[in-house]
């Protein structure tokens, strides 16, 4: 089933339920030769390679804490992650590039069996001129600006691709969340020029490489969802989608995400300076997808899982049919969140499985573990691990999903169970592993299947001789039968 058909099927099946409830190439530094990774095989799977992503469930982490995270990351073998780099940081002085830190990251990623993508940013420095207006974090990262010399920029991009192609890097995103002034100082037109220049250099250097957009922010995607429906004259649907998508965001950014109960309020929200900017950058991103300048669409999503259905509907309507869609950043934004670990872990499972069932090919949870020294002072974005690397329930559950999905075909649930069950299926050989939860407050019974085993996600599975009762807490169900047969007599 194609990505577009998956998006259509899942959006239709879950929407109602979820909505309601200059010499910059450093030629003196040739890329090191590739080495064969040495990675322990996951149970029931072959050793991972970096030539293809074989597990859709991964994470993004702070490499300064690699020693604490390494044991867990090996459980995500076969997945993908990304690293953000900056021309201004790598080449602080024109013609003098320092690749040491990124070389180490590329080497360690390969050793973990995790495919590395790179997000190439310019930053603000000699290469762009001007002075940074936004500085973030302990690393003092800044926004990006247009290079003063596009030819020099293209040479830098070429040096990145030449150096890290041998490590298995095949995808290069251009910038990050350009809808935000804190990430991009230029106009949408400037961004389009930059992407076209980068794409030309990337493809000329490695014909197998793929160009990825910047990844418009999660909030901007929500505004895009509502704006499309308003423009189509579907205002009640737009209001419902907005409320579902932003249920945890209202008021977190002042008047940029206000409460909306009517058309006038929604139009005012969409018309703010910030949100209008986001919609313009979303539009230019989609134009780059349409004209094939960009090969892969990058999604960021940090909302309640009820926002997945309207997001999938939006992606289906605005993405060229054969374009891969990947979610490089997925998480839970919940300021002062009061959910217990079990409910937050269950919500994580629902979010990532709905995305996978909807045709999203790669899903990276961010953060792997939150930084207790972050500027917010609290865990606004929920981690799979404690800061010291101790595995949480959510981490155990994601690792279980990775085991189920590795080398498997991702399949949405059949239409026959729509409105009763939500989830996804992973089919490998003659075995099917289903992740299921009730689509309503009513328990659903999946009748017994010979040899079936079931249990909570992340826990040992036991015999399901009497059938499986599915509540709103996700469960795993595994049997040597086709998905349609397992669910044929659901009641």
Protein backbone atom coordinates (compact mmCIF):
# COMPACT_ATOMS: atom_id res chain seq x y z
CA UNK A 1 0.00 0.00 0.00
CA UNK A 2 1.40 3.41 -0.94
CA UNK A 3 2.03 6.18 1.55
CA UNK A 4 -0.82 8.23 0.12
CA UNK A 5 -3.28 5.35 0.41
CA UNK A 6 -2.21 4.72 4.00
CA UNK A 7 -2.75 8.36 4.84
CA UNK A 8 -6.20 8.23 3.31
CA UNK A 9 -7.17 4.97 5.00
CA UNK A 10 -6.01 5.92 8.46
CA UNK A 11 -7.39 9.44 8.31
CA UNK A 12 -10.80 8.06 7.39
CA UNK A 13 -10.71 5.32 9.98
CA UNK A 14 -9.68 7.33 13.02
CA UNK A 15 -10.69 10.90 12.35
CA UNK A 16 -14.14 10.73 13.90
CA UNK A 17 -13.02 8.91 17.02
CA UNK A 18 -9.95 11.00 17.70
CA UNK A 19 -11.47 14.36 16.92
CA UNK A 20 -14.24 13.76 19.30
CA UNK A 21 -12.47 12.28 22.20
CA UNK A 22 34.96 30.50 -0.33
CA UNK A 23 37.48 27.48 -0.20
CA UNK A 24 35.07 25.90 2.23
CA UNK A 25 35.57 22.31 1.17
CA UNK A 26 38.49 21.50 3.49
CA UNK A 27 40.13 19.46 0.72
CA UNK A 28 43.01 18.61 3.01
CA UNK A 29 40.63 16.44 5.03
CA UNK A 30 39.48 13.50 2.93
CA UNK A 31 36.58 11.47 4.33
CA UNK A 32 37.66 8.44 6.31
CA UNK A 33 36.93 5.04 4.80
CA UNK A 34 33.69 3.34 5.73
CA UNK A 35 33.89 0.43 8.13
CA UNK A 36 31.58 -2.50 8.62
CA UNK A 37 29.45 -1.88 11.71
CA UNK A 38 29.64 -4.31 14.57
CA UNK A 39 26.23 -4.29 16.19
CA UNK A 40 24.62 -6.98 18.34
CA UNK A 41 21.63 -8.41 16.52
CA UNK A 42 18.25 -7.66 18.01
CA UNK A 43 16.23 -10.74 19.00
CA UNK A 44 14.74 -12.29 15.88
CA UNK A 45 16.41 -9.81 13.53
CA UNK A 46 19.54 -9.67 11.46
CA UNK A 47 22.32 -7.25 12.25
CA UNK A 48 21.37 -3.73 11.21
CA UNK A 49 23.03 -1.89 8.36
CA UNK A 50 23.18 1.79 7.60
CA UNK A 51 22.10 1.44 3.96
CA UNK A 52 18.40 1.33 4.76
CA UNK A 53 16.10 2.13 7.67
CA UNK A 54 14.57 -1.16 8.77
CA UNK A 55 12.82 -0.01 11.93
CA UNK A 56 10.55 3.05 11.87
CA UNK A 57 10.88 3.80 15.60
CA UNK A 58 13.92 5.76 16.71
CA UNK A 59 14.91 8.73 18.85
CA UNK A 60 16.98 11.89 18.96
CA UNK A 61 19.43 12.40 21.79
CA UNK A 62 22.13 14.56 23.29
CA UNK A 63 25.46 13.08 22.19
CA UNK A 64 27.21 14.52 25.25
CA UNK A 65 25.33 11.86 27.24
CA UNK A 66 26.07 9.01 24.83
CA UNK A 67 27.65 6.81 27.51
CA UNK A 68 24.43 6.79 29.55
CA UNK A 69 22.23 6.24 26.50
CA UNK A 70 24.29 3.71 24.52
CA UNK A 71 22.80 0.52 26.00
CA UNK A 72 19.25 1.66 25.23
CA UNK A 73 20.09 2.96 21.78
CA UNK A 74 21.29 -0.48 20.73
CA UNK A 75 17.71 -1.64 21.23
CA UNK A 76 16.67 0.79 18.47
CA UNK A 77 19.02 -0.71 15.88
CA UNK A 78 17.75 -0.30 12.34
CA UNK A 79 16.14 3.08 13.02
CA UNK A 80 17.25 6.56 11.94
CA UNK A 81 18.21 9.73 13.74
CA UNK A 82 19.53 13.12 12.72
CA UNK A 83 22.23 15.56 13.73
CA UNK A 84 21.99 19.30 13.21
CA UNK A 85 25.17 20.93 11.94
CA UNK A 86 26.06 24.55 11.22
CA UNK A 87 28.44 25.90 8.60
CA UNK A 88 29.39 28.67 11.01
CA UNK A 89 30.28 26.16 13.75
CA UNK A 90 32.22 23.74 11.57
CA UNK A 91 34.09 26.48 9.73
CA UNK A 92 34.54 29.25 12.28
CA UNK A 93 37.27 30.73 10.11
CA UNK A 94 36.94 30.69 6.34
CA UNK A 95 38.75 27.70 4.87
CA UNK A 96 39.45 26.03 8.24
CA UNK A 97 36.91 23.29 8.89
CA UNK A 98 36.80 21.16 12.03
CA UNK A 99 34.99 17.88 11.40
CA UNK A 100 36.16 16.01 14.51
CA UNK A 101 32.92 16.18 16.51
CA UNK A 102 30.71 15.21 13.59
CA UNK A 103 33.07 12.40 12.57
CA UNK A 104 32.67 10.92 16.05
CA UNK A 105 28.88 11.15 15.84
CA UNK A 106 28.83 9.51 12.42
CA UNK A 107 31.11 6.72 13.62
CA UNK A 108 29.07 6.03 16.74
CA UNK A 109 25.79 6.08 14.82
CA UNK A 110 27.15 3.48 12.44
CA UNK A 111 28.37 1.34 15.34
CA UNK A 112 24.87 1.47 16.85
CA UNK A 113 23.35 0.35 13.55
CA UNK A 114 21.35 3.59 13.37
CA UNK A 115 21.15 5.52 10.11
CA UNK A 116 22.30 9.12 10.43
CA UNK A 117 20.61 11.99 8.60
CA UNK A 118 22.14 15.48 8.61
CA UNK A 119 20.37 18.80 8.98
CA UNK A 120 22.59 21.45 7.37
CA UNK A 121 22.21 25.00 8.71
CA UNK A 122 24.23 28.12 7.97
CA UNK A 123 24.11 29.96 11.28
CA UNK A 124 25.23 33.62 11.39
CA UNK A 125 28.91 34.45 10.96
CA UNK A 126 31.49 35.52 8.36
CA UNK A 127 29.70 33.32 5.80
CA UNK A 128 26.46 35.24 6.08
CA UNK A 129 27.41 38.66 7.45
CA UNK A 130 25.30 40.41 10.05
CA UNK A 131 24.85 39.81 13.75
CA UNK A 132 22.78 37.08 15.39
CA UNK A 133 19.57 38.23 17.07
CA UNK A 134 18.59 34.90 18.64
CA UNK A 135 20.90 32.75 20.77
CA UNK A 136 19.71 29.47 22.26
CA UNK A 137 20.98 26.98 24.80
CA UNK A 138 24.39 26.32 26.27
CA UNK A 139 25.79 25.78 22.77
CA UNK A 140 24.80 29.35 21.85
CA UNK A 141 23.11 28.29 18.64
CA UNK A 142 21.79 31.12 16.51
CA UNK A 143 19.33 31.59 13.72
CA UNK A 144 20.50 31.05 10.13
CA UNK A 145 20.82 33.69 7.43
CA UNK A 146 21.40 33.69 3.68
CA UNK A 147 25.04 33.16 2.70
CA UNK A 148 26.74 36.13 1.08
CA UNK A 149 28.22 33.76 -1.52
CA UNK A 150 25.96 30.91 -2.69
CA UNK A 151 28.85 29.33 -4.54
CA UNK A 152 30.83 29.06 -1.31
CA UNK A 153 27.75 27.61 0.39
CA UNK A 154 27.41 24.99 -2.32
CA UNK A 155 31.05 24.03 -1.89
CA UNK A 156 30.47 23.57 1.84
CA UNK A 157 27.41 21.40 1.19
CA UNK A 158 29.40 19.34 -1.28
CA UNK A 159 32.13 18.78 1.31
CA UNK A 160 29.51 17.54 3.79
CA UNK A 161 28.07 15.05 1.31
CA UNK A 162 31.50 13.87 0.15
CA UNK A 163 32.63 13.30 3.72
CA UNK A 164 29.57 11.61 5.22
CA UNK A 165 28.25 9.61 2.29
CA UNK A 166 30.81 6.89 3.16
CA UNK A 167 29.28 6.74 6.65
CA UNK A 168 25.91 5.86 5.10
CA UNK A 169 24.35 9.33 5.26
CA UNK A 170 21.85 9.66 2.42
CA UNK A 171 19.41 12.33 3.59
CA UNK A 172 20.20 16.01 4.06
CA UNK A 173 17.67 18.47 5.43
CA UNK A 174 18.18 22.12 4.64
CA UNK A 175 17.80 24.25 7.77
CA UNK A 176 15.38 23.68 10.65
CA UNK A 177 11.87 25.06 11.29
CA UNK A 178 12.41 28.06 9.03
CA UNK A 179 8.96 29.38 9.96
CA UNK A 180 10.49 30.56 13.27
CA UNK A 181 12.60 33.78 13.24
CA UNK A 182 14.80 32.20 15.90
CA UNK A 183 15.86 29.64 13.27
CA UNK A 184 15.72 31.56 9.98
CA UNK A 185 16.32 35.28 9.44
CA UNK A 186 15.38 35.41 5.77
CA UNK A 187 12.19 35.39 3.75
CA UNK A 188 10.38 32.37 2.29
CA UNK A 189 11.83 33.31 -1.10
CA UNK A 190 15.33 33.36 0.38
CA UNK A 191 14.76 29.92 1.81
CA UNK A 192 13.61 28.56 -1.54
CA UNK A 193 16.78 29.92 -3.19
CA UNK A 194 18.93 28.30 -0.50
CA UNK A 195 17.22 24.92 -0.88
CA UNK A 196 17.60 24.96 -4.65
CA UNK A 197 21.30 25.75 -4.34
CA UNK A 198 21.81 23.02 -1.74
CA UNK A 199 19.79 20.47 -3.72
CA UNK A 200 21.88 21.09 -6.83
CA UNK A 201 25.09 20.50 -4.90
CA UNK A 202 23.79 17.42 -3.05
CA UNK A 203 22.55 15.65 -6.18
CA UNK A 204 25.68 16.46 -8.16
CA UNK A 205 27.82 14.98 -5.37
CA UNK A 206 25.75 11.88 -4.56
CA UNK A 207 22.97 10.85 -6.96
CA UNK A 208 21.63 8.47 -4.31
CA UNK A 209 21.21 11.22 -1.74
CA UNK A 210 17.81 12.76 -0.93
CA UNK A 211 16.99 16.36 -0.10
CA UNK A 212 14.70 16.99 2.88
CA UNK A 213 12.84 20.17 3.80
CA UNK A 214 13.53 22.03 7.04
CA UNK A 215 10.76 20.42 9.05
CA UNK A 216 8.11 23.04 9.70
CA UNK A 217 7.26 23.29 13.40
CA UNK A 218 4.50 21.27 15.05
CA UNK A 219 2.50 24.41 15.85
CA UNK A 220 2.79 25.66 12.27
CA UNK A 221 1.46 22.34 10.99
CA UNK A 222 -1.56 22.74 13.24
CA UNK A 223 -2.20 26.18 11.80
CA UNK A 224 -1.86 24.69 8.32
CA UNK A 225 -4.44 22.02 9.16
CA UNK A 226 -6.98 24.63 10.24
CA UNK A 227 -6.18 27.10 7.45
CA UNK A 228 -6.71 24.52 4.70
CA UNK A 229 -10.12 23.59 6.06
CA UNK A 230 -11.16 27.24 6.41
CA UNK A 231 -10.10 27.96 2.82
CA UNK A 232 -12.16 24.99 1.68
CA UNK A 233 -15.25 26.37 3.43
CA UNK A 234 -15.18 23.60 6.06
CA UNK A 235 -15.15 25.94 9.05
CA UNK A 236 -16.81 23.63 11.63
CA UNK A 237 -14.25 20.91 10.78
CA UNK A 238 -11.47 23.49 11.03
CA UNK A 239 -12.57 24.49 14.53
CA UNK A 240 -12.83 20.86 15.64
CA UNK A 241 -9.42 20.04 14.20
CA UNK A 242 -7.85 23.13 15.83
CA UNK A 243 -9.31 22.20 19.23
CA UNK A 244 -8.10 18.61 18.97
CA UNK A 245 -4.65 19.56 17.74
CA UNK A 246 -3.95 22.37 20.22
CA UNK A 247 -5.72 21.08 23.32
CA UNK A 248 -2.48 21.29 25.35
CA UNK A 249 -1.09 24.40 23.69
CA UNK A 250 -3.74 27.05 24.28
CA UNK A 251 -2.16 29.98 26.11
CA UNK A 252 1.36 28.54 26.08
CA UNK A 253 2.49 31.20 23.57
CA UNK A 254 0.32 34.12 24.55
CA UNK A 255 -2.12 35.04 21.81
CA UNK A 256 -0.40 32.94 19.14
CA UNK A 257 -2.41 29.85 20.18
CA UNK A 258 -5.64 31.22 21.66
CA UNK A 259 -8.74 29.28 22.61
CA UNK A 260 -11.04 28.99 19.59
CA UNK A 261 -14.76 28.27 19.66
CA UNK A 262 -15.97 30.14 16.58
CA UNK A 263 -15.00 31.22 13.07
CA UNK A 264 -14.04 34.80 13.96
CA UNK A 265 -11.67 33.62 16.70
CA UNK A 266 -10.09 31.07 14.36
CA UNK A 267 -9.55 33.61 11.59
CA UNK A 268 -7.93 36.02 14.05
CA UNK A 269 -5.62 33.26 15.28
CA UNK A 270 -4.58 32.36 11.75
CA UNK A 271 -4.01 36.01 10.91
CA UNK A 272 -1.48 36.90 13.60
CA UNK A 273 1.95 37.95 12.37
CA UNK A 274 3.58 34.76 13.67
CA UNK A 275 0.99 32.39 12.28
CA UNK A 276 0.79 34.19 8.94
CA UNK A 277 4.56 33.80 8.64
CA UNK A 278 4.26 30.08 9.43
CA UNK A 279 1.63 29.61 6.73
CA UNK A 280 3.83 31.35 4.16
CA UNK A 281 6.77 29.09 4.97
CA UNK A 282 4.51 26.05 4.91
CA UNK A 283 3.34 27.09 1.43
CA UNK A 284 6.87 27.54 0.09
CA UNK A 285 7.88 24.18 1.55
CA UNK A 286 5.01 22.54 -0.30
CA UNK A 287 5.98 24.29 -3.54
CA UNK A 288 9.49 22.81 -3.21
CA UNK A 289 7.92 19.38 -2.75
CA UNK A 290 5.64 19.86 -5.73
CA UNK A 291 8.43 20.88 -8.12
CA UNK A 292 10.63 18.03 -6.80
CA UNK A 293 13.37 20.28 -5.49
CA UNK A 294 12.80 18.44 -2.21
CA UNK A 295 12.55 14.64 -2.12
CA UNK A 296 11.32 13.97 1.43
CA UNK A 297 8.77 15.78 3.59
CA UNK A 298 9.82 16.23 7.21
CA UNK A 299 7.14 16.47 9.90
CA UNK A 300 7.46 17.69 13.49
CA UNK A 301 4.65 16.73 15.90
CA UNK A 302 4.48 17.34 19.66
CA UNK A 303 0.73 17.34 20.26
CA UNK A 304 -1.89 15.06 21.83
CA UNK A 305 -2.48 11.94 19.76
CA UNK A 306 -5.94 13.18 18.80
CA UNK A 307 -4.12 15.64 16.55
CA UNK A 308 -2.71 12.84 14.39
CA UNK A 309 -5.90 12.31 12.38
CA UNK A 310 -6.24 15.91 11.13
CA UNK A 311 -2.49 16.00 10.48
CA UNK A 312 -2.67 12.87 8.31
CA UNK A 313 -5.61 14.32 6.43
CA UNK A 314 -3.61 17.50 5.79
CA UNK A 315 -0.52 15.60 4.63
CA UNK A 316 -2.57 13.47 2.27
CA UNK A 317 -4.05 16.58 0.67
CA UNK A 318 -0.84 18.61 0.35
CA UNK A 319 1.94 16.11 -0.36
CA UNK A 320 2.74 14.71 -3.83
CA UNK A 321 1.56 11.07 -3.84
CA UNK A 322 4.97 9.38 -4.16
CA UNK A 323 6.81 11.66 -1.72
CA UNK A 324 8.06 9.92 1.45
CA UNK A 325 6.96 11.56 4.70
CA UNK A 326 9.17 11.21 7.77
CA UNK A 327 8.67 12.51 11.30
CA UNK A 328 12.13 13.54 12.47
CA UNK A 329 10.72 15.06 15.65
CA UNK A 330 7.85 13.52 17.60
CA UNK A 331 7.14 14.01 21.27
CA UNK A 332 4.81 15.24 23.98
CA UNK A 333 4.74 18.97 24.61
CA UNK A 334 2.86 19.33 27.89
CA UNK A 335 3.79 22.24 30.09
CA UNK A 336 3.31 21.26 33.74
CA UNK A 337 2.00 17.89 32.56
CA UNK A 338 0.34 15.92 35.32
CA UNK A 339 0.03 12.55 33.59
CA UNK A 340 1.40 9.52 35.42
CA UNK A 341 4.18 7.49 33.73
CA UNK A 342 1.79 4.75 32.60
CA UNK A 343 -0.64 7.11 30.89
CA UNK A 344 2.14 9.11 29.26
CA UNK A 345 3.75 5.93 27.97
CA UNK A 346 0.42 4.72 26.60
CA UNK A 347 -0.09 8.05 24.86
CA UNK A 348 3.36 7.77 23.29
CA UNK A 349 2.42 4.36 21.87
CA UNK A 350 -0.81 5.74 20.42
CA UNK A 351 0.94 8.68 18.80
CA UNK A 352 3.74 6.77 17.11
CA UNK A 353 1.59 3.84 15.98
CA UNK A 354 -1.01 6.12 14.41
CA UNK A 355 1.76 7.94 12.57
CA UNK A 356 3.25 4.65 11.39
CA UNK A 357 -0.13 3.31 10.27
CA UNK A 358 -0.66 6.57 8.40
CA UNK A 359 2.36 5.99 6.19
CA UNK A 360 4.96 8.01 8.10
CA UNK A 361 8.12 6.09 7.33
CA UNK A 362 10.47 7.21 10.11
CA UNK A 363 9.44 8.39 13.57
CA UNK A 364 12.07 9.77 15.96
CA UNK A 365 11.05 10.54 19.53
CA UNK A 366 12.51 13.73 20.95
CA UNK A 367 13.98 13.90 23.46
CA UNK A 368 15.31 10.48 24.31
CA UNK A 369 15.87 11.88 27.82
CA UNK A 370 15.15 15.40 28.92
CA UNK A 371 17.91 17.69 30.13
CA UNK A 372 17.25 18.69 33.77
CA UNK A 373 19.32 21.83 33.20
CA UNK A 374 17.17 23.10 30.36
CA UNK A 375 16.00 26.72 30.33
CA UNK A 376 12.37 25.76 30.98
CA UNK A 377 13.31 24.22 34.30
CA UNK A 378 10.82 21.38 33.90
CA UNK A 379 10.16 18.43 31.64
CA UNK A 380 8.05 20.17 29.02
CA UNK A 381 8.86 17.48 26.45
CA UNK A 382 8.61 13.95 27.83
CA UNK A 383 11.63 11.65 27.63
CA UNK A 384 11.77 7.89 27.18
CA UNK A 385 14.60 7.69 29.71
CA UNK A 386 15.47 9.43 32.94
CA UNK A 387 18.31 11.96 32.60
CA UNK A 388 20.83 9.38 33.83
CA UNK A 389 19.76 6.87 31.16
CA UNK A 390 17.46 4.75 33.35
CA UNK A 391 14.74 3.26 31.19
CA UNK A 392 11.21 4.50 31.81
CA UNK A 393 8.01 2.67 30.97
CA UNK A 394 7.76 4.75 27.81
CA UNK A 395 11.26 3.68 26.81
CA UNK A 396 10.48 0.03 27.36
CA UNK A 397 7.36 0.38 25.23
CA UNK A 398 9.13 2.08 22.32
CA UNK A 399 11.83 -0.60 22.33
CA UNK A 400 9.09 -3.24 22.15
CA UNK A 401 7.57 -1.47 19.15
CA UNK A 402 10.99 -1.37 17.51
CA UNK A 403 11.36 -5.13 18.01
CA UNK A 404 7.96 -5.74 16.48
CA UNK A 405 8.51 -3.45 13.50
CA UNK A 406 12.10 -4.28 12.58
CA UNK A 407 12.21 -5.79 9.07
CA UNK A 408 8.41 -5.93 9.01
CA UNK A 409 5.81 -4.45 6.69
CA UNK A 410 3.79 -1.71 8.40
CA UNK A 411 0.07 -2.23 7.75
CA UNK A 412 -2.93 -0.12 8.85
CA UNK A 413 -5.80 -1.98 10.50
CA UNK A 414 -8.54 -3.15 8.12
CA UNK A 415 -11.55 -0.91 7.57
CA UNK A 416 -13.78 -3.59 9.09
CA UNK A 417 -12.67 -2.62 12.62
CA UNK A 418 -12.80 1.17 12.14
CA UNK A 419 -14.60 2.84 15.01
CA UNK A 420 -13.89 -0.11 17.29
CA UNK A 421 -10.12 -0.56 17.25
CA UNK A 422 -7.20 1.77 16.66
CA UNK A 423 -3.61 0.74 16.09
CA UNK A 424 -1.27 -0.75 13.53
CA UNK A 425 0.07 -4.13 12.41
CA UNK A 426 3.59 -5.30 11.63
CA UNK A 427 3.80 -8.28 9.30
CA UNK A 428 7.01 -10.29 9.02
CA UNK A 429 6.96 -13.59 7.18
CA UNK A 430 3.84 -15.42 8.26
CA UNK A 431 3.62 -13.64 11.61
CA UNK A 432 1.55 -10.56 12.44
CA UNK A 433 2.10 -8.35 15.47
CA UNK A 434 -0.75 -5.97 16.20
CA UNK A 435 -0.73 -2.94 18.49
CA UNK A 436 -4.34 -2.35 19.51
CA UNK A 437 -6.49 -0.18 21.73
CA UNK A 438 -10.20 0.51 21.89
CA UNK A 439 -11.46 3.38 19.76
CA UNK A 440 -14.03 4.22 22.40
CA UNK A 441 -14.63 3.70 26.12
CA UNK A 442 -16.08 0.28 25.33
CA UNK A 443 -13.80 -2.79 25.61
CA UNK A 444 -13.45 -4.79 22.40
CA UNK A 445 -12.88 -8.55 22.27
CA UNK A 446 -10.55 -10.09 19.71
CA UNK A 447 -11.50 -13.80 19.63
CA UNK A 448 -8.89 -16.48 20.20
CA UNK A 449 -6.51 -17.31 17.38
CA UNK A 450 -4.50 -20.58 17.51
CA UNK A 451 -1.07 -19.92 18.97
CA UNK A 452 -1.75 -16.24 19.63
CA UNK A 453 0.12 -14.46 22.39
CA UNK A 454 -0.78 -11.16 23.97
CA UNK A 455 0.22 -8.74 26.69
CA UNK A 456 0.94 -5.14 27.56
CA UNK A 457 3.32 -3.32 25.23
CA UNK A 458 6.82 -3.80 26.57
CA UNK A 459 5.94 -6.78 28.80
CA UNK A 460 6.35 -10.52 28.18
CA UNK A 461 3.52 -11.97 26.09
CA UNK A 462 1.37 -14.83 27.33
CA UNK A 463 -1.00 -17.27 25.65
CA UNK A 464 -4.24 -15.71 24.45
CA UNK A 465 -6.29 -18.87 24.46
CA UNK A 466 -9.46 -17.14 25.63
CA UNK A 467 -9.17 -14.21 23.29
CA UNK A 468 -7.97 -10.69 24.04
CA UNK A 469 -9.97 -7.92 25.67
CA UNK A 470 -8.78 -4.57 24.33
CA UNK A 471 -9.35 -1.41 26.39
CA UNK A 472 -7.98 2.10 25.93
CA UNK A 473 -4.56 0.84 27.08
CA UNK A 474 -2.54 -0.44 24.09
CA UNK A 475 -1.75 -4.15 23.94
CA UNK A 476 0.36 -6.34 21.67
CA UNK A 477 -1.20 -9.35 19.96
CA UNK A 478 1.00 -11.71 17.96
CA UNK A 479 -0.10 -14.67 15.87
CA UNK A 480 1.02 -16.65 12.82
CA UNK A 481 -1.99 -15.48 10.85
CA UNK A 482 -2.82 -12.65 8.43
CA UNK A 483 -4.10 -9.47 10.08
CA UNK A 484 -7.52 -9.73 8.43
CA UNK A 485 -8.02 -13.25 9.77
CA UNK A 486 -7.01 -12.30 13.32
CA UNK A 487 -9.55 -9.46 13.34
CA UNK A 488 -12.23 -11.08 11.20
CA UNK A 489 -14.67 -11.75 14.05
CA UNK A 490 -13.93 -8.86 16.38
CA UNK A 491 -16.88 -8.04 18.61
